[in-house]
């Protein structure tokens, strides 16, 4: 169980961001790979081309803006996973957030701040720990 996790705060409301294997699996199912999801979320555009041998090749081009749709989807999955985890410990179950609510949450918190929280949550998930790791000398 996650003892420490990142939260998006809007007024008095705190929304948990839980990046678990369940969320990673959802991203893989939707996008094929985590790498592809990251690129799309950060604003890269996937272009499919045919090479000289007739094979389909994917090239990534930078775009000036991130994908709102992909950012909202990940944040919604992560918040709802966090709520689900919290609900396991509660009698009074908290409802899951909707796509539209997530859009308002991101607007209120700011996409740059949300991305910083996502990076911290991903780092905690990748380390297998809820504590920030410090290198030992």
N, C-alpha and C. Protein backbone atom coordinates (compact mmCIF):
# COMPACT_ATOMS: atom_id res chain seq x y z
N UNK A 1 0.84 -1.18 0.00
CA UNK A 1 0.00 0.00 0.00
C UNK A 1 0.89 1.24 0.00
N UNK A 2 0.50 2.24 -0.74
CA UNK A 2 1.27 3.46 -0.81
C UNK A 2 1.08 4.29 0.45
N UNK A 3 2.15 4.50 1.18
CA UNK A 3 2.07 5.28 2.41
C UNK A 3 2.25 6.77 2.11
N UNK A 4 3.04 7.07 1.10
CA UNK A 4 3.29 8.45 0.72
C UNK A 4 3.09 8.56 -0.78
N UNK A 5 2.37 9.58 -1.20
CA UNK A 5 2.19 9.79 -2.63
C UNK A 5 2.04 11.27 -2.90
N UNK A 6 2.09 11.62 -4.13
CA UNK A 6 1.94 13.01 -4.54
C UNK A 6 0.46 13.37 -4.58
N UNK A 7 0.17 14.64 -4.37
CA UNK A 7 -1.21 15.14 -4.41
C UNK A 7 -1.27 16.39 -5.25
N UNK A 8 -2.38 16.54 -5.96
CA UNK A 8 -2.72 17.80 -6.60
C UNK A 8 -3.72 18.48 -5.68
N UNK A 9 -3.44 19.72 -5.32
CA UNK A 9 -4.30 20.43 -4.38
C UNK A 9 -5.01 21.57 -5.06
N UNK A 10 -6.34 21.59 -4.90
CA UNK A 10 -7.18 22.65 -5.42
C UNK A 10 -8.05 23.13 -4.26
N UNK A 11 -7.75 24.30 -3.75
CA UNK A 11 -8.46 24.80 -2.56
C UNK A 11 -8.22 23.85 -1.40
N UNK A 12 -9.30 23.39 -0.79
CA UNK A 12 -9.23 22.47 0.34
C UNK A 12 -9.14 21.00 -0.11
N UNK A 13 -9.37 20.75 -1.38
CA UNK A 13 -9.43 19.38 -1.91
C UNK A 13 -8.04 18.90 -2.33
N UNK A 14 -7.72 17.67 -1.93
CA UNK A 14 -6.45 17.04 -2.32
C UNK A 14 -6.77 15.81 -3.16
N UNK A 15 -6.15 15.74 -4.34
CA UNK A 15 -6.35 14.62 -5.25
C UNK A 15 -5.06 13.80 -5.31
N UNK A 16 -5.13 12.51 -4.92
CA UNK A 16 -3.92 11.68 -4.90
C UNK A 16 -3.50 11.25 -6.30
N UNK A 17 -2.19 11.30 -6.56
CA UNK A 17 -1.63 10.79 -7.82
C UNK A 17 -0.91 9.48 -7.50
N UNK A 18 -1.49 8.37 -7.86
CA UNK A 18 -0.88 7.07 -7.60
C UNK A 18 -0.47 6.43 -8.93
N UNK A 19 0.83 6.24 -9.09
CA UNK A 19 1.34 5.58 -10.29
C UNK A 19 1.71 4.16 -9.88
N UNK A 20 0.79 3.26 -10.14
CA UNK A 20 0.98 1.85 -9.79
C UNK A 20 1.10 1.03 -11.07
N UNK A 21 1.33 -0.26 -10.88
CA UNK A 21 1.38 -1.16 -12.03
C UNK A 21 0.05 -1.13 -12.80
N UNK A 22 -1.05 -0.91 -12.10
CA UNK A 22 -2.36 -0.81 -12.76
C UNK A 22 -2.39 0.36 -13.75
N UNK A 23 -1.85 1.50 -13.35
CA UNK A 23 -1.83 2.68 -14.22
C UNK A 23 -0.87 2.46 -15.38
N UNK A 24 0.29 1.89 -15.10
CA UNK A 24 1.26 1.60 -16.17
C UNK A 24 0.65 0.65 -17.20
N UNK A 25 -0.06 -0.37 -16.73
CA UNK A 25 -0.71 -1.31 -17.64
C UNK A 25 -1.76 -0.60 -18.51
N UNK A 26 -2.51 0.29 -17.92
CA UNK A 26 -3.51 1.05 -18.68
C UNK A 26 -2.84 1.88 -19.77
N UNK A 27 -1.72 2.52 -19.45
CA UNK A 27 -1.00 3.32 -20.44
C UNK A 27 -0.47 2.44 -21.57
N UNK A 28 0.06 1.26 -21.21
CA UNK A 28 0.56 0.34 -22.23
C UNK A 28 -0.58 -0.15 -23.12
N UNK A 29 -1.74 -0.45 -22.53
CA UNK A 29 -2.88 -0.91 -23.33
C UNK A 29 -3.37 0.17 -24.29
N UNK A 30 -3.36 1.41 -23.85
CA UNK A 30 -3.86 2.50 -24.70
C UNK A 30 -2.85 2.93 -25.76
N UNK A 31 -1.57 3.01 -25.37
CA UNK A 31 -0.55 3.59 -26.25
C UNK A 31 0.43 2.58 -26.84
N UNK A 32 0.43 1.36 -26.35
CA UNK A 32 1.37 0.36 -26.85
C UNK A 32 2.62 0.27 -26.00
N UNK A 33 3.25 1.42 -25.75
CA UNK A 33 4.44 1.45 -24.90
C UNK A 33 4.40 2.70 -24.02
N UNK A 34 5.13 2.64 -22.93
CA UNK A 34 5.25 3.81 -22.04
C UNK A 34 6.01 4.91 -22.76
N UNK A 35 7.02 4.55 -23.54
CA UNK A 35 7.80 5.54 -24.29
C UNK A 35 6.90 6.33 -25.23
N UNK A 36 6.03 5.64 -25.94
CA UNK A 36 5.12 6.32 -26.86
C UNK A 36 4.20 7.26 -26.09
N UNK A 37 3.65 6.81 -24.97
CA UNK A 37 2.78 7.66 -24.15
C UNK A 37 3.52 8.92 -23.70
N UNK A 38 4.75 8.77 -23.20
CA UNK A 38 5.51 9.92 -22.73
C UNK A 38 5.72 10.93 -23.84
N UNK A 39 6.08 10.45 -25.02
CA UNK A 39 6.31 11.35 -26.14
C UNK A 39 5.03 12.09 -26.53
N UNK A 40 3.92 11.38 -26.59
CA UNK A 40 2.65 12.02 -26.95
C UNK A 40 2.23 13.04 -25.89
N UNK A 41 2.40 12.67 -24.63
CA UNK A 41 2.00 13.57 -23.55
C UNK A 41 2.85 14.83 -23.55
N UNK A 42 4.12 14.70 -23.88
CA UNK A 42 5.01 15.85 -23.86
C UNK A 42 4.96 16.68 -25.14
N UNK A 43 4.08 16.29 -26.05
CA UNK A 43 3.84 17.14 -27.21
C UNK A 43 4.52 16.71 -28.49
N UNK A 44 5.14 15.54 -28.51
CA UNK A 44 5.72 15.07 -29.77
C UNK A 44 4.59 14.56 -30.66
N UNK A 45 4.80 14.68 -31.95
CA UNK A 45 3.81 14.22 -32.92
C UNK A 45 4.38 13.01 -33.64
N UNK A 46 3.59 11.96 -33.69
CA UNK A 46 3.99 10.73 -34.37
C UNK A 46 3.65 10.85 -35.85
N UNK A 47 4.66 10.67 -36.69
CA UNK A 47 4.43 10.68 -38.13
C UNK A 47 4.83 9.33 -38.71
N UNK A 48 3.92 8.72 -39.41
CA UNK A 48 4.20 7.43 -40.04
C UNK A 48 4.59 7.70 -41.49
N UNK A 49 5.71 7.11 -41.88
CA UNK A 49 6.20 7.27 -43.24
C UNK A 49 6.56 5.90 -43.79
N UNK A 50 6.70 5.84 -45.08
CA UNK A 50 7.13 4.62 -45.75
C UNK A 50 8.56 4.84 -46.23
N UNK A 51 9.47 3.93 -45.83
CA UNK A 51 10.86 4.06 -46.26
C UNK A 51 11.03 3.52 -47.69
N UNK A 52 12.26 3.57 -48.17
CA UNK A 52 12.55 3.16 -49.56
C UNK A 52 12.23 1.70 -49.82
N UNK A 53 12.23 0.88 -48.76
CA UNK A 53 11.94 -0.55 -48.91
C UNK A 53 10.46 -0.86 -48.76
N UNK A 54 9.65 0.18 -48.54
CA UNK A 54 8.22 -0.03 -48.40
C UNK A 54 7.77 -0.34 -46.98
N UNK A 55 8.68 -0.22 -46.02
CA UNK A 55 8.34 -0.47 -44.61
C UNK A 55 7.83 0.80 -43.94
N UNK A 56 6.85 0.62 -43.07
CA UNK A 56 6.35 1.76 -42.32
C UNK A 56 7.35 2.13 -41.22
N UNK A 57 7.68 3.40 -41.16
CA UNK A 57 8.63 3.91 -40.18
C UNK A 57 7.95 5.05 -39.40
N UNK A 58 8.17 5.06 -38.09
CA UNK A 58 7.59 6.11 -37.26
C UNK A 58 8.69 7.10 -36.92
N UNK A 59 8.40 8.37 -37.18
CA UNK A 59 9.30 9.45 -36.80
C UNK A 59 8.57 10.35 -35.81
N UNK A 60 9.32 10.90 -34.86
CA UNK A 60 8.73 11.79 -33.86
C UNK A 60 9.20 13.20 -34.13
N UNK A 61 8.24 14.12 -34.21
CA UNK A 61 8.56 15.54 -34.41
C UNK A 61 8.13 16.30 -33.17
N UNK A 62 8.97 17.28 -32.80
CA UNK A 62 8.61 18.11 -31.65
C UNK A 62 7.47 19.04 -32.02
N UNK A 63 6.64 19.29 -31.04
CA UNK A 63 5.53 20.22 -31.18
C UNK A 63 5.71 21.26 -30.08
N UNK A 64 5.10 22.39 -30.23
CA UNK A 64 5.25 23.47 -29.24
C UNK A 64 4.37 23.28 -28.02
N UNK A 65 3.48 22.33 -28.04
CA UNK A 65 2.58 22.16 -26.90
C UNK A 65 2.37 20.70 -26.57
N UNK A 66 2.10 20.46 -25.30
CA UNK A 66 1.84 19.09 -24.87
C UNK A 66 0.44 18.67 -25.28
N UNK A 67 0.18 17.40 -25.25
CA UNK A 67 -1.13 16.87 -25.62
C UNK A 67 -2.05 16.93 -24.39
N UNK A 68 -3.01 17.83 -24.43
CA UNK A 68 -3.95 17.97 -23.31
C UNK A 68 -4.72 16.67 -23.09
N UNK A 69 -5.13 16.03 -24.17
CA UNK A 69 -5.89 14.79 -24.07
C UNK A 69 -5.10 13.70 -23.36
N UNK A 70 -3.83 13.54 -23.73
CA UNK A 70 -3.01 12.49 -23.14
C UNK A 70 -2.63 12.82 -21.70
N UNK A 71 -2.39 14.09 -21.41
CA UNK A 71 -2.11 14.51 -20.04
C UNK A 71 -3.33 14.27 -19.15
N UNK A 72 -4.50 14.68 -19.62
CA UNK A 72 -5.73 14.48 -18.84
C UNK A 72 -6.00 13.01 -18.58
N UNK A 73 -5.79 12.16 -19.59
CA UNK A 73 -6.05 10.74 -19.43
C UNK A 73 -5.16 10.14 -18.34
N UNK A 74 -3.87 10.45 -18.39
CA UNK A 74 -2.94 9.92 -17.39
C UNK A 74 -3.29 10.43 -15.99
N UNK A 75 -3.55 11.73 -15.88
CA UNK A 75 -3.88 12.31 -14.57
C UNK A 75 -5.17 11.69 -14.02
N UNK A 76 -6.17 11.51 -14.87
CA UNK A 76 -7.42 10.90 -14.42
C UNK A 76 -7.18 9.48 -13.93
N UNK A 77 -6.42 8.69 -14.69
CA UNK A 77 -6.12 7.31 -14.26
C UNK A 77 -5.36 7.29 -12.94
N UNK A 78 -4.38 8.19 -12.79
CA UNK A 78 -3.56 8.24 -11.58
C UNK A 78 -4.36 8.70 -10.37
N UNK A 79 -5.20 9.72 -10.55
CA UNK A 79 -6.04 10.19 -9.44
C UNK A 79 -7.03 9.11 -9.04
N UNK A 80 -7.69 8.51 -10.02
CA UNK A 80 -8.68 7.48 -9.69
C UNK A 80 -8.04 6.26 -9.04
N UNK A 81 -6.82 5.93 -9.41
CA UNK A 81 -6.10 4.84 -8.74
C UNK A 81 -5.82 5.24 -7.29
N UNK A 82 -5.40 6.49 -7.08
CA UNK A 82 -5.16 6.98 -5.72
C UNK A 82 -6.42 6.97 -4.88
N UNK A 83 -7.54 7.38 -5.47
CA UNK A 83 -8.82 7.37 -4.76
C UNK A 83 -9.22 5.94 -4.43
N UNK A 84 -9.02 5.02 -5.38
CA UNK A 84 -9.35 3.62 -5.15
C UNK A 84 -8.55 3.06 -3.98
N UNK A 85 -7.28 3.40 -3.92
CA UNK A 85 -6.42 2.95 -2.81
C UNK A 85 -6.92 3.53 -1.49
N UNK A 86 -7.25 4.82 -1.50
CA UNK A 86 -7.77 5.46 -0.28
C UNK A 86 -9.10 4.84 0.14
N UNK A 87 -9.95 4.54 -0.84
CA UNK A 87 -11.27 3.97 -0.54
C UNK A 87 -11.18 2.60 0.11
N UNK A 88 -10.09 1.88 -0.13
CA UNK A 88 -9.92 0.57 0.51
C UNK A 88 -9.85 0.69 2.03
N UNK A 89 -9.46 1.89 2.50
CA UNK A 89 -9.30 2.11 3.94
C UNK A 89 -10.47 2.88 4.56
N UNK A 90 -11.45 3.27 3.74
CA UNK A 90 -12.53 4.14 4.20
C UNK A 90 -13.88 3.45 4.20
N UNK A 91 -14.73 3.90 5.09
CA UNK A 91 -16.14 3.50 5.04
C UNK A 91 -16.89 4.42 4.08
N UNK A 92 -16.59 5.71 4.15
CA UNK A 92 -17.23 6.71 3.30
C UNK A 92 -16.41 6.82 2.01
N UNK A 93 -16.87 6.16 0.96
CA UNK A 93 -16.12 6.07 -0.30
C UNK A 93 -16.16 7.40 -1.06
N UNK A 94 -15.01 7.80 -1.53
CA UNK A 94 -14.88 9.01 -2.33
C UNK A 94 -15.16 8.65 -3.79
N UNK A 95 -15.92 9.48 -4.51
CA UNK A 95 -16.19 9.17 -5.92
C UNK A 95 -14.97 9.42 -6.80
N UNK A 96 -14.90 8.69 -7.91
CA UNK A 96 -13.83 8.89 -8.87
C UNK A 96 -14.04 10.21 -9.61
N UNK A 97 -12.96 10.77 -10.15
CA UNK A 97 -13.06 12.01 -10.90
C UNK A 97 -13.37 11.71 -12.37
N UNK A 98 -13.95 12.68 -13.03
CA UNK A 98 -14.27 12.56 -14.45
C UNK A 98 -13.22 13.29 -15.28
N UNK A 99 -13.25 13.05 -16.56
CA UNK A 99 -12.37 13.71 -17.51
C UNK A 99 -12.50 15.24 -17.40
N UNK A 100 -13.71 15.72 -17.29
CA UNK A 100 -13.95 17.17 -17.22
C UNK A 100 -13.43 17.75 -15.91
N UNK A 101 -13.62 17.03 -14.81
CA UNK A 101 -13.08 17.49 -13.54
C UNK A 101 -11.56 17.59 -13.60
N UNK A 102 -10.94 16.60 -14.21
CA UNK A 102 -9.48 16.58 -14.31
C UNK A 102 -8.99 17.79 -15.12
N UNK A 103 -9.71 18.14 -16.17
CA UNK A 103 -9.35 19.33 -16.95
C UNK A 103 -9.34 20.58 -16.09
N UNK A 104 -10.34 20.70 -15.22
CA UNK A 104 -10.40 21.86 -14.33
C UNK A 104 -9.30 21.81 -13.27
N UNK A 105 -9.00 20.61 -12.76
CA UNK A 105 -7.92 20.46 -11.77
C UNK A 105 -6.59 20.89 -12.38
N UNK A 106 -6.30 20.41 -13.58
CA UNK A 106 -5.05 20.76 -14.25
C UNK A 106 -5.00 22.26 -14.52
N UNK A 107 -6.11 22.84 -14.93
CA UNK A 107 -6.16 24.28 -15.19
C UNK A 107 -5.87 25.07 -13.92
N UNK A 108 -6.42 24.61 -12.81
CA UNK A 108 -6.23 25.30 -11.53
C UNK A 108 -4.78 25.16 -11.03
N UNK A 109 -4.24 23.96 -11.09
CA UNK A 109 -2.89 23.68 -10.57
C UNK A 109 -1.83 24.20 -11.54
N UNK A 110 -2.11 24.14 -12.83
CA UNK A 110 -1.15 24.55 -13.86
C UNK A 110 -0.45 23.32 -14.43
N UNK A 111 -0.38 23.25 -15.75
CA UNK A 111 0.17 22.05 -16.39
C UNK A 111 1.64 21.82 -16.03
N UNK A 112 2.42 22.88 -15.87
CA UNK A 112 3.83 22.70 -15.50
C UNK A 112 3.92 22.09 -14.10
N UNK A 113 3.13 22.57 -13.16
CA UNK A 113 3.13 22.02 -11.80
C UNK A 113 2.63 20.58 -11.79
N UNK A 114 1.64 20.28 -12.62
CA UNK A 114 1.13 18.91 -12.72
C UNK A 114 2.22 18.00 -13.26
N UNK A 115 2.93 18.43 -14.30
CA UNK A 115 4.01 17.62 -14.86
C UNK A 115 5.10 17.36 -13.82
N UNK A 116 5.42 18.36 -13.00
CA UNK A 116 6.42 18.16 -11.93
C UNK A 116 5.95 17.09 -10.95
N UNK A 117 4.67 17.13 -10.59
CA UNK A 117 4.12 16.12 -9.67
C UNK A 117 4.13 14.74 -10.31
N UNK A 118 3.84 14.68 -11.61
CA UNK A 118 3.86 13.40 -12.32
C UNK A 118 5.26 12.81 -12.30
N UNK A 119 6.26 13.65 -12.56
CA UNK A 119 7.65 13.17 -12.55
C UNK A 119 8.00 12.62 -11.17
N UNK A 120 7.61 13.32 -10.10
CA UNK A 120 7.89 12.83 -8.75
C UNK A 120 7.17 11.50 -8.50
N UNK A 121 5.90 11.42 -8.93
CA UNK A 121 5.14 10.17 -8.73
C UNK A 121 5.75 9.03 -9.53
N UNK A 122 6.17 9.30 -10.76
CA UNK A 122 6.82 8.26 -11.57
C UNK A 122 8.14 7.83 -10.94
N UNK A 123 8.90 8.77 -10.41
CA UNK A 123 10.17 8.42 -9.76
C UNK A 123 9.92 7.54 -8.53
N UNK A 124 8.89 7.85 -7.75
CA UNK A 124 8.57 7.02 -6.59
C UNK A 124 8.16 5.62 -7.04
N UNK A 125 7.38 5.55 -8.12
CA UNK A 125 6.93 4.25 -8.62
C UNK A 125 8.11 3.44 -9.15
N UNK A 126 9.02 4.10 -9.86
CA UNK A 126 10.17 3.40 -10.44
C UNK A 126 11.16 2.93 -9.39
N UNK A 127 11.25 3.65 -8.28
CA UNK A 127 12.20 3.26 -7.24
C UNK A 127 11.67 2.11 -6.40
N UNK A 128 10.37 1.84 -6.51
CA UNK A 128 9.78 0.79 -5.69
C UNK A 128 9.63 1.21 -4.25
N UNK A 129 9.73 2.51 -4.03
CA UNK A 129 9.67 3.05 -2.69
C UNK A 129 8.83 4.31 -2.70
N UNK A 130 8.31 4.66 -1.57
CA UNK A 130 7.57 5.90 -1.44
C UNK A 130 8.44 7.00 -0.87
N UNK A 131 9.65 6.67 -0.56
CA UNK A 131 10.61 7.64 -0.03
C UNK A 131 11.47 8.12 -1.19
N UNK A 132 11.84 9.41 -1.15
CA UNK A 132 12.78 9.88 -2.16
C UNK A 132 14.14 9.31 -1.82
N UNK A 133 14.79 8.74 -2.81
CA UNK A 133 16.07 8.10 -2.57
C UNK A 133 17.18 9.13 -2.62
N UNK A 134 18.12 9.01 -1.71
CA UNK A 134 19.30 9.84 -1.74
C UNK A 134 20.50 8.93 -1.93
N UNK A 135 21.40 9.32 -2.83
CA UNK A 135 22.56 8.47 -3.07
C UNK A 135 23.43 8.38 -1.83
N UNK A 136 23.99 7.21 -1.61
CA UNK A 136 24.89 7.02 -0.48
C UNK A 136 26.33 7.07 -0.97
N UNK A 137 27.18 7.78 -0.24
CA UNK A 137 28.59 7.88 -0.61
C UNK A 137 29.40 6.82 0.04
